[in-house]
Amino acid sequence: MGYRWEGYDEALLLYVLGLGSPTYPLPEESYAAWCSTYRWKEIDGHEFLYAGSLFVHQFSHLWIDFRGIQDAFMRDRGIDYFENSRRATHVQQRYAIRNPLGFEGYGPHFWGLTASDGPGWITRRIGGVERRFFDYVARGVPYGPDDGTVAPWAVVVSLPFAPDIVLPTVRHFKEVYPEVTGKYCFKCSFNLTFSDESRGKPGWTSAYHYGINLGPIVLMFENCRSGLLWALMRRCPYLVTGLRRAGFTKGWL
């Protein structure tokens, strides 16, 4: 494939597993090379390791308890990846409060940009503004893409990081927008700026549930409640070896 994974992303979990392989382990320098592509930014008053989409700050954390452990990059900055995800979650909310593109609904209890379904590849003039909408893309803040589509499931998955802003937002989605609550928890995403003309109703709601969205909800619920997944994985020798070869120290290691 003509792609190279650069910058902070969900490859963190893959590197740890690859470094911990008992048969064909990655060389330690591969992890340092990847970390050299990181981007540290200050956005809305928060300094953090940047990635625009929420899922990047969540998926490796489904399995690995990053609280209190640090690699060289995080040691230099005095935080850990868990704190980094907390800051990234607050940046999402702050972006929605600022709402620089003027989308409907955005605010302290209406946020959550990540890889998700969307209204489709279409351009519409709404309220005198030319709006471009997308299908399934990795939406992110503050640099986009952003077409007014938020993903309530992604807010839920940030529960362990920032319950102070996640719980009020989840309650708001559930009480004010019941159309996004489906058979299997929240539907993938919805957009109040895009009107679904076929239904004659304001806004658009995804008709779909995706397992890759719903699975993390279950796992992070349990991590927040009891830390079960984190505790199980702390006993995995391959994971522990991978973390140590990546340079992680302190905390439960």
Protein backbone atom coordinates (compact mmCIF):
# COMPACT_ATOMS: atom_id res chain seq x y z
CA MET A 1 0.00 0.00 0.00
CA GLY A 2 1.14 3.52 -0.70
CA TYR A 3 0.57 4.69 2.86
CA ARG A 4 2.86 5.35 5.80
CA TRP A 5 1.40 5.74 9.29
CA GLU A 6 2.78 9.01 10.60
CA GLY A 7 1.66 11.10 13.55
CA TYR A 8 -0.11 9.91 16.67
CA ASP A 9 -2.86 7.38 15.92
CA GLU A 10 -4.26 4.01 16.95
CA ALA A 11 -1.03 2.38 15.77
CA LEU A 12 0.19 2.84 19.36
CA LEU A 13 -1.50 -0.45 20.28
CA LEU A 14 -0.06 -2.17 17.19
CA TYR A 15 3.47 -1.05 17.96
CA VAL A 16 3.22 -2.31 21.55
CA LEU A 17 1.98 -5.71 20.36
CA GLY A 18 4.59 -5.85 17.60
CA LEU A 19 7.41 -4.98 19.97
CA GLY A 20 6.21 -7.66 22.39
CA SER A 21 6.01 -10.46 19.83
CA PRO A 22 7.86 -13.58 21.07
CA THR A 23 8.62 -14.72 17.52
CA TYR A 24 9.15 -11.77 15.14
CA PRO A 25 9.38 -8.64 17.30
CA LEU A 26 9.69 -5.21 15.78
CA PRO A 27 13.04 -3.50 16.32
CA GLU A 28 12.93 -1.00 19.16
CA GLU A 29 14.04 1.82 16.89
CA SER A 30 10.82 1.47 14.86
CA TYR A 31 8.83 2.87 17.78
CA ALA A 32 11.18 5.81 18.22
CA ALA A 33 10.96 6.50 14.49
CA TRP A 34 7.17 6.58 14.65
CA CYS A 35 7.14 8.85 17.72
CA SER A 36 9.41 11.27 15.85
CA THR A 37 6.40 12.07 13.62
CA TYR A 38 4.24 13.19 16.58
CA ARG A 39 2.83 16.73 16.66
CA TRP A 40 2.54 18.49 20.02
CA LYS A 41 0.11 21.41 19.86
CA GLU A 42 -1.65 23.98 22.00
CA ILE A 43 -5.32 24.28 21.09
CA ASP A 44 -8.01 26.10 23.06
CA GLY A 45 -5.75 26.41 26.09
CA HIS A 46 -4.72 22.73 26.17
CA GLU A 47 -1.27 21.41 25.26
CA PHE A 48 -1.45 17.83 24.00
CA LEU A 49 -0.23 15.26 21.50
CA TYR A 50 -2.43 16.12 18.56
CA ALA A 51 -4.87 13.95 16.66
CA GLY A 52 -8.10 15.46 15.41
CA SER A 53 -10.47 12.48 15.65
CA LEU A 54 -11.67 11.21 19.02
CA PHE A 55 -11.18 7.54 18.14
CA VAL A 56 -7.40 8.02 17.95
CA HIS A 57 -7.40 9.05 21.61
CA GLN A 58 -9.56 6.07 22.56
CA PHE A 59 -8.84 2.82 20.72
CA SER A 60 -5.45 1.90 22.21
CA HIS A 61 -6.88 2.78 25.63
CA LEU A 62 -9.57 0.11 25.30
CA TRP A 63 -6.90 -2.45 26.13
CA ILE A 64 -3.94 -0.66 27.69
CA ASP A 65 -4.02 1.16 31.03
CA PHE A 66 -1.85 4.17 30.28
CA ARG A 67 -2.46 5.82 33.64
CA GLY A 68 0.87 6.68 35.25
CA ILE A 69 3.14 5.02 32.66
CA GLN A 70 5.23 7.06 30.25
CA ASP A 71 7.40 6.57 27.20
CA ALA A 72 10.23 9.00 26.38
CA PHE A 73 7.91 11.39 24.55
CA MET A 74 5.48 11.69 27.47
CA ARG A 75 8.24 11.84 30.09
CA ASP A 76 9.62 14.91 28.33
CA ARG A 77 6.21 16.57 28.60
CA GLY A 78 5.33 15.50 32.12
CA ILE A 79 2.04 13.74 31.36
CA ASP A 80 0.85 10.30 30.22
CA TYR A 81 -1.33 9.15 27.33
CA PHE A 82 -4.40 8.97 29.58
CA GLU A 83 -4.06 12.63 30.53
CA ASN A 84 -3.45 13.38 26.87
CA SER A 85 -6.80 11.81 25.98
CA ARG A 86 -8.50 13.81 28.72
CA ARG A 87 -7.16 17.02 27.22
CA ALA A 88 -8.13 15.97 23.70
CA THR A 89 -11.68 15.31 24.92
CA HIS A 90 -11.92 18.79 26.43
CA VAL A 91 -10.57 20.29 23.21
CA GLN A 92 -13.47 18.66 21.38
CA GLN A 93 -15.97 20.32 23.70
CA ARG A 94 -14.22 23.70 23.54
CA TYR A 95 -14.29 23.54 19.73
CA ALA A 96 -18.03 22.87 19.75
CA ILE A 97 -18.58 25.80 22.11
CA ARG A 98 -16.63 28.10 19.78
CA ASN A 99 -18.41 26.59 16.76
CA PRO A 100 -16.27 28.48 14.25
CA LEU A 101 -18.20 27.17 11.24
CA GLY A 102 -21.63 27.94 12.69
CA PHE A 103 -23.20 24.46 12.62
CA GLU A 104 -26.58 23.79 14.20
CA GLY A 105 -26.63 22.38 17.72
CA TYR A 106 -22.93 22.68 18.56
CA GLY A 107 -22.29 23.63 22.17
CA PRO A 108 -21.14 22.37 25.58
CA HIS A 109 -23.46 19.35 25.36
CA PHE A 110 -23.26 18.75 21.61
CA TRP A 111 -19.85 17.61 20.40
CA GLY A 112 -17.92 14.50 19.34
CA LEU A 113 -16.11 14.48 16.00
CA THR A 114 -14.54 11.21 14.94
CA ALA A 115 -14.51 8.66 12.10
CA SER A 116 -18.21 8.20 11.39
CA ASP A 117 -21.02 7.91 8.89
CA GLY A 118 -22.28 11.13 7.29
CA PRO A 119 -25.07 12.52 5.11
CA GLY A 120 -23.17 11.86 1.88
CA TRP A 121 -20.93 13.58 -0.63
CA ILE A 122 -23.11 16.56 -1.41
CA THR A 123 -23.01 20.36 -1.38
CA ARG A 124 -25.99 22.45 -0.30
CA ARG A 125 -26.64 26.13 0.26
CA ILE A 126 -28.11 26.47 3.75
CA GLY A 127 -28.95 29.85 5.23
CA GLY A 128 -26.95 31.56 2.52
CA VAL A 129 -23.86 29.46 3.25
CA GLU A 130 -22.43 26.87 0.85
CA ARG A 131 -22.07 23.70 2.93
CA ARG A 132 -20.10 20.64 1.86
CA PHE A 133 -21.11 17.35 3.48
CA PHE A 134 -19.27 14.04 3.63
CA ASP A 135 -19.98 10.33 3.86
CA TYR A 136 -17.85 8.12 6.13
CA VAL A 137 -14.69 10.10 6.95
CA ALA A 138 -12.45 10.74 9.95
CA ARG A 139 -13.85 14.05 11.17
CA GLY A 140 -11.73 16.01 13.60
CA VAL A 141 -11.03 19.26 15.42
CA PRO A 142 -10.01 21.96 14.99
CA TYR A 143 -8.73 21.50 11.43
CA GLY A 144 -11.54 19.32 10.13
CA PRO A 145 -13.01 17.85 8.19
CA ASP A 146 -16.19 19.07 9.86
CA ASP A 147 -19.63 19.14 8.25
CA GLY A 148 -21.74 19.39 11.40
CA THR A 149 -21.87 15.62 11.99
CA VAL A 150 -21.31 14.42 15.55
CA ALA A 151 -21.03 10.86 16.88
CA PRO A 152 -22.66 10.32 20.29
CA TRP A 153 -21.01 6.88 20.68
CA ALA A 154 -17.59 8.54 20.56
CA VAL A 155 -18.54 10.80 23.44
CA VAL A 156 -19.52 7.75 25.50
CA VAL A 157 -16.17 6.06 24.85
CA SER A 158 -14.39 9.05 26.43
CA LEU A 159 -16.18 8.38 29.73
CA PRO A 160 -13.07 7.24 31.67
CA PHE A 161 -11.13 10.33 30.58
CA ALA A 162 -13.62 13.12 31.24
CA PRO A 163 -16.82 12.03 33.02
CA ASP A 164 -17.42 15.65 34.04
CA ILE A 165 -18.25 16.64 30.46
CA VAL A 166 -19.21 13.24 28.99
CA LEU A 167 -22.12 12.40 31.30
CA PRO A 168 -24.01 15.71 30.81
CA THR A 169 -23.50 15.42 27.04
CA VAL A 170 -24.77 11.83 26.89
CA ARG A 171 -27.80 12.82 28.96
CA HIS A 172 -28.45 15.74 26.60
CA PHE A 173 -28.28 13.53 23.50
CA LYS A 174 -30.63 10.98 25.04
CA GLU A 175 -33.21 13.45 26.33
CA VAL A 176 -33.24 16.05 23.57
CA TYR A 177 -32.52 13.89 20.50
CA PRO A 178 -34.25 10.53 21.01
CA GLU A 179 -33.92 9.80 17.29
CA VAL A 180 -30.22 8.98 17.79
CA THR A 181 -31.00 6.28 20.35
CA GLY A 182 -31.45 2.95 18.60
CA LYS A 183 -31.82 -0.72 19.44
CA TYR A 184 -28.13 -1.08 20.28
CA CYS A 185 -27.43 2.18 22.14
CA PHE A 186 -26.67 5.30 20.10
CA LYS A 187 -26.75 5.22 16.32
CA CYS A 188 -23.56 6.06 14.49
CA SER A 189 -23.99 9.81 14.00
CA PHE A 190 -26.33 12.68 13.29
CA ASN A 191 -26.29 16.16 11.80
CA LEU A 192 -28.74 18.97 12.59
CA THR A 193 -27.49 21.25 9.81
CA PHE A 194 -28.28 18.79 7.00
CA SER A 195 -32.03 18.39 6.40
CA ASP A 196 -33.34 14.96 5.43
CA GLU A 197 -35.77 16.09 2.75
CA SER A 198 -37.14 12.58 2.20
CA ARG A 199 -38.55 12.56 5.73
CA GLY A 200 -39.49 16.22 5.87
CA LYS A 201 -37.71 16.53 9.21
CA PRO A 202 -34.88 18.80 10.31
CA GLY A 203 -31.51 17.17 10.52
CA TRP A 204 -30.09 13.85 9.41
CA THR A 205 -29.55 10.68 11.46
CA SER A 206 -27.50 7.67 10.38
CA ALA A 207 -29.60 4.56 9.92
CA TYR A 208 -26.73 2.30 10.93
CA HIS A 209 -25.03 0.72 13.90
CA TYR A 210 -21.36 -0.23 13.48
CA GLY A 211 -19.72 -2.88 15.62
CA ILE A 212 -16.47 -0.93 15.65
CA ASN A 213 -18.39 1.87 17.40
CA LEU A 214 -20.49 -0.21 19.79
CA GLY A 215 -17.70 -2.54 20.94
CA PRO A 216 -15.63 0.29 22.44
CA ILE A 217 -18.71 1.51 24.36
CA VAL A 218 -18.98 -1.82 26.18
CA LEU A 219 -15.25 -2.03 26.87
CA MET A 220 -14.90 1.53 28.14
CA PHE A 221 -18.02 1.21 30.29
CA GLU A 222 -16.35 -1.71 32.04
CA ASN A 223 -12.96 -0.01 32.27
CA CYS A 224 -14.64 2.97 33.88
CA ARG A 225 -16.70 0.79 36.22
CA SER A 226 -14.12 -1.78 37.33
CA GLY A 227 -10.97 -1.53 35.19
CA LEU A 228 -11.50 -5.16 34.15
CA LEU A 229 -10.01 -5.00 30.64
CA TRP A 230 -7.04 -2.99 31.85
CA ALA A 231 -6.42 -5.45 34.69
CA LEU A 232 -6.57 -8.46 32.35
CA MET A 233 -4.16 -6.91 29.87
CA ARG A 234 -1.69 -5.94 32.59
CA ARG A 235 -1.21 -9.70 33.04
CA CYS A 236 -0.45 -10.26 29.34
CA PRO A 237 3.33 -10.88 29.07
CA TYR A 238 3.49 -9.84 25.42
CA LEU A 239 1.85 -6.50 26.15
CA VAL A 240 4.12 -5.85 29.13
CA THR A 241 7.21 -6.75 27.09
CA GLY A 242 6.07 -4.48 24.26
CA LEU A 243 5.51 -1.54 26.59
CA ARG A 244 8.93 -1.95 28.16
CA ARG A 245 10.68 -2.27 24.79
CA ALA A 246 8.87 0.92 23.73
CA GLY A 247 10.49 2.62 26.72
CA PHE A 248 7.50 2.83 29.04
CA THR A 249 8.35 3.05 32.75
CA LYS A 250 6.78 3.97 36.11
CA GLY A 251 3.24 3.28 37.31
CA TRP A 252 1.97 -0.28 37.28
CA LEU A 253 4.96 -1.38 35.15
